[in-house]
């Protein structure tokens, strides 16, 4: 059973998240031949103050 967890900053619309989950599910099915009913994909969101990339704290960035 493939389990895929996506970590990303909050702020996407429900439609964007649904499109991402559908695309990842399709990619898993097509790339490894996993049966659709066995694929699990979910999003773990976090707020900007909980993230730093390349030394830049996202808590300082404006939305």
C-alpha atoms as a PDB file:
ATOM      1  CA  UNK A   1       0.000   0.000   0.000  1.00  0.00           C
ATOM      2  CA  UNK A   2       1.676   3.252  -1.111  1.00  0.00           C
ATOM      3  CA  UNK A   3       1.477   6.007   1.513  1.00  0.00           C
ATOM      4  CA  UNK A   4       2.396   9.501   0.327  1.00  0.00           C
ATOM      5  CA  UNK A   5       2.522  12.490   2.670  1.00  0.00           C
ATOM      6  CA  UNK A   6       2.928  15.978   1.228  1.00  0.00           C
ATOM      7  CA  UNK A   7       4.229  18.762   3.477  1.00  0.00           C
ATOM      8  CA  UNK A   8       3.532  22.335   2.400  1.00  0.00           C
ATOM      9  CA  UNK A   9       2.780  25.814   3.658  1.00  0.00           C
ATOM     10  CA  UNK A  10      -0.868  26.563   4.280  1.00  0.00           C
ATOM     11  CA  UNK A  11      -2.739  28.892   1.988  1.00  0.00           C
ATOM     12  CA  UNK A  12      -3.786  26.790  -1.000  1.00  0.00           C
ATOM     13  CA  UNK A  13      -7.452  26.551  -1.939  1.00  0.00           C
ATOM     14  CA  UNK A  14      -9.399  23.330  -1.540  1.00  0.00           C
ATOM     15  CA  UNK A  15      -9.511  23.058  -5.337  1.00  0.00           C
ATOM     16  CA  UNK A  16      -5.695  23.296  -5.567  1.00  0.00           C
ATOM     17  CA  UNK A  17      -5.243  20.680  -2.860  1.00  0.00           C
ATOM     18  CA  UNK A  18      -7.731  18.329  -4.530  1.00  0.00           C
ATOM     19  CA  UNK A  19      -5.939  18.728  -7.881  1.00  0.00           C
ATOM     20  CA  UNK A  20      -2.581  17.974  -6.242  1.00  0.00           C
ATOM     21  CA  UNK A  21      -3.903  14.881  -4.460  1.00  0.00           C
ATOM     22  CA  UNK A  22      -5.507  13.597  -7.677  1.00  0.00           C
ATOM     23  CA  UNK A  23      -2.318  14.163  -9.678  1.00  0.00           C
ATOM     24  CA  UNK A  24      -0.120  12.408  -7.146  1.00  0.00           C
ATOM     25  CA  UNK A  25      -2.537   9.492  -6.926  1.00  0.00           C
ATOM     26  CA  UNK A  26      -2.509   9.128 -10.714  1.00  0.00           C
ATOM     27  CA  UNK A  27       1.297   9.343 -10.834  1.00  0.00           C
ATOM     28  CA  UNK A  28       1.654   6.576  -8.252  1.00  0.00           C
ATOM     29  CA  UNK A  29      -0.812   4.344 -10.080  1.00  0.00           C
ATOM     30  CA  UNK A  30       0.851   4.915 -13.455  1.00  0.00           C
ATOM     31  CA  UNK A  31       4.459   4.672 -12.280  1.00  0.00           C
ATOM     32  CA  UNK A  32       4.316   1.578 -10.078  1.00  0.00           C
ATOM     33  CA  UNK A  33       1.031  -0.002 -11.112  1.00  0.00           C
ATOM     34  CA  UNK A  34      -0.500   0.181  -7.635  1.00  0.00           C
ATOM     35  CA  UNK A  35      -4.221  -0.524  -7.544  1.00  0.00           C
ATOM     36  CA  UNK A  36      -6.155   2.697  -7.005  1.00  0.00           C
ATOM     37  CA  UNK A  37      -7.876   1.382  -3.875  1.00  0.00           C
ATOM     38  CA  UNK A  38      -4.511   0.865  -2.141  1.00  0.00           C
ATOM     39  CA  UNK A  39      -3.104   4.376  -2.675  1.00  0.00           C
ATOM     40  CA  UNK A  40      -3.205   6.832   0.230  1.00  0.00           C
ATOM     41  CA  UNK A  41      -2.166  10.478  -0.208  1.00  0.00           C
ATOM     42  CA  UNK A  42      -2.552  13.291   2.304  1.00  0.00           C
ATOM     43  CA  UNK A  43      -1.364  16.834   2.915  1.00  0.00           C
ATOM     44  CA  UNK A  44       0.259  18.064   6.094  1.00  0.00           C
ATOM     45  CA  UNK A  45       0.056  21.862   6.196  1.00  0.00           C
ATOM     46  CA  UNK A  46       2.022  24.187   8.430  1.00  0.00           C
ATOM     47  CA  UNK A  47       2.058  27.944   8.958  1.00  0.00           C
ATOM     48  CA  UNK A  48       4.877  30.226   7.772  1.00  0.00           C
ATOM     49  CA  UNK A  49       6.361  30.779  11.264  1.00  0.00           C
ATOM     50  CA  UNK A  50       7.024  27.019  11.411  1.00  0.00           C
ATOM     51  CA  UNK A  51       9.229  26.967   8.287  1.00  0.00           C
ATOM     52  CA  UNK A  52      12.658  28.107   7.143  1.00  0.00           C
ATOM     53  CA  UNK A  53      14.229  27.584   3.737  1.00  0.00           C
ATOM     54  CA  UNK A  54      17.740  28.605   2.676  1.00  0.00           C
ATOM     55  CA  UNK A  55      18.098  30.527   5.928  1.00  0.00           C
ATOM     56  CA  UNK A  56      14.977  32.591   5.328  1.00  0.00           C
ATOM     57  CA  UNK A  57      12.323  32.334   8.041  1.00  0.00           C
ATOM     58  CA  UNK A  58       8.924  32.342   6.382  1.00  0.00           C
ATOM     59  CA  UNK A  59       7.425  34.010   9.459  1.00  0.00           C
ATOM     60  CA  UNK A  60       9.014  37.222   8.129  1.00  0.00           C
ATOM     61  CA  UNK A  61       7.352  36.904   4.714  1.00  0.00           C
ATOM     62  CA  UNK A  62       4.038  38.599   4.075  1.00  0.00           C
ATOM     63  CA  UNK A  63       1.201  36.512   2.705  1.00  0.00           C
END
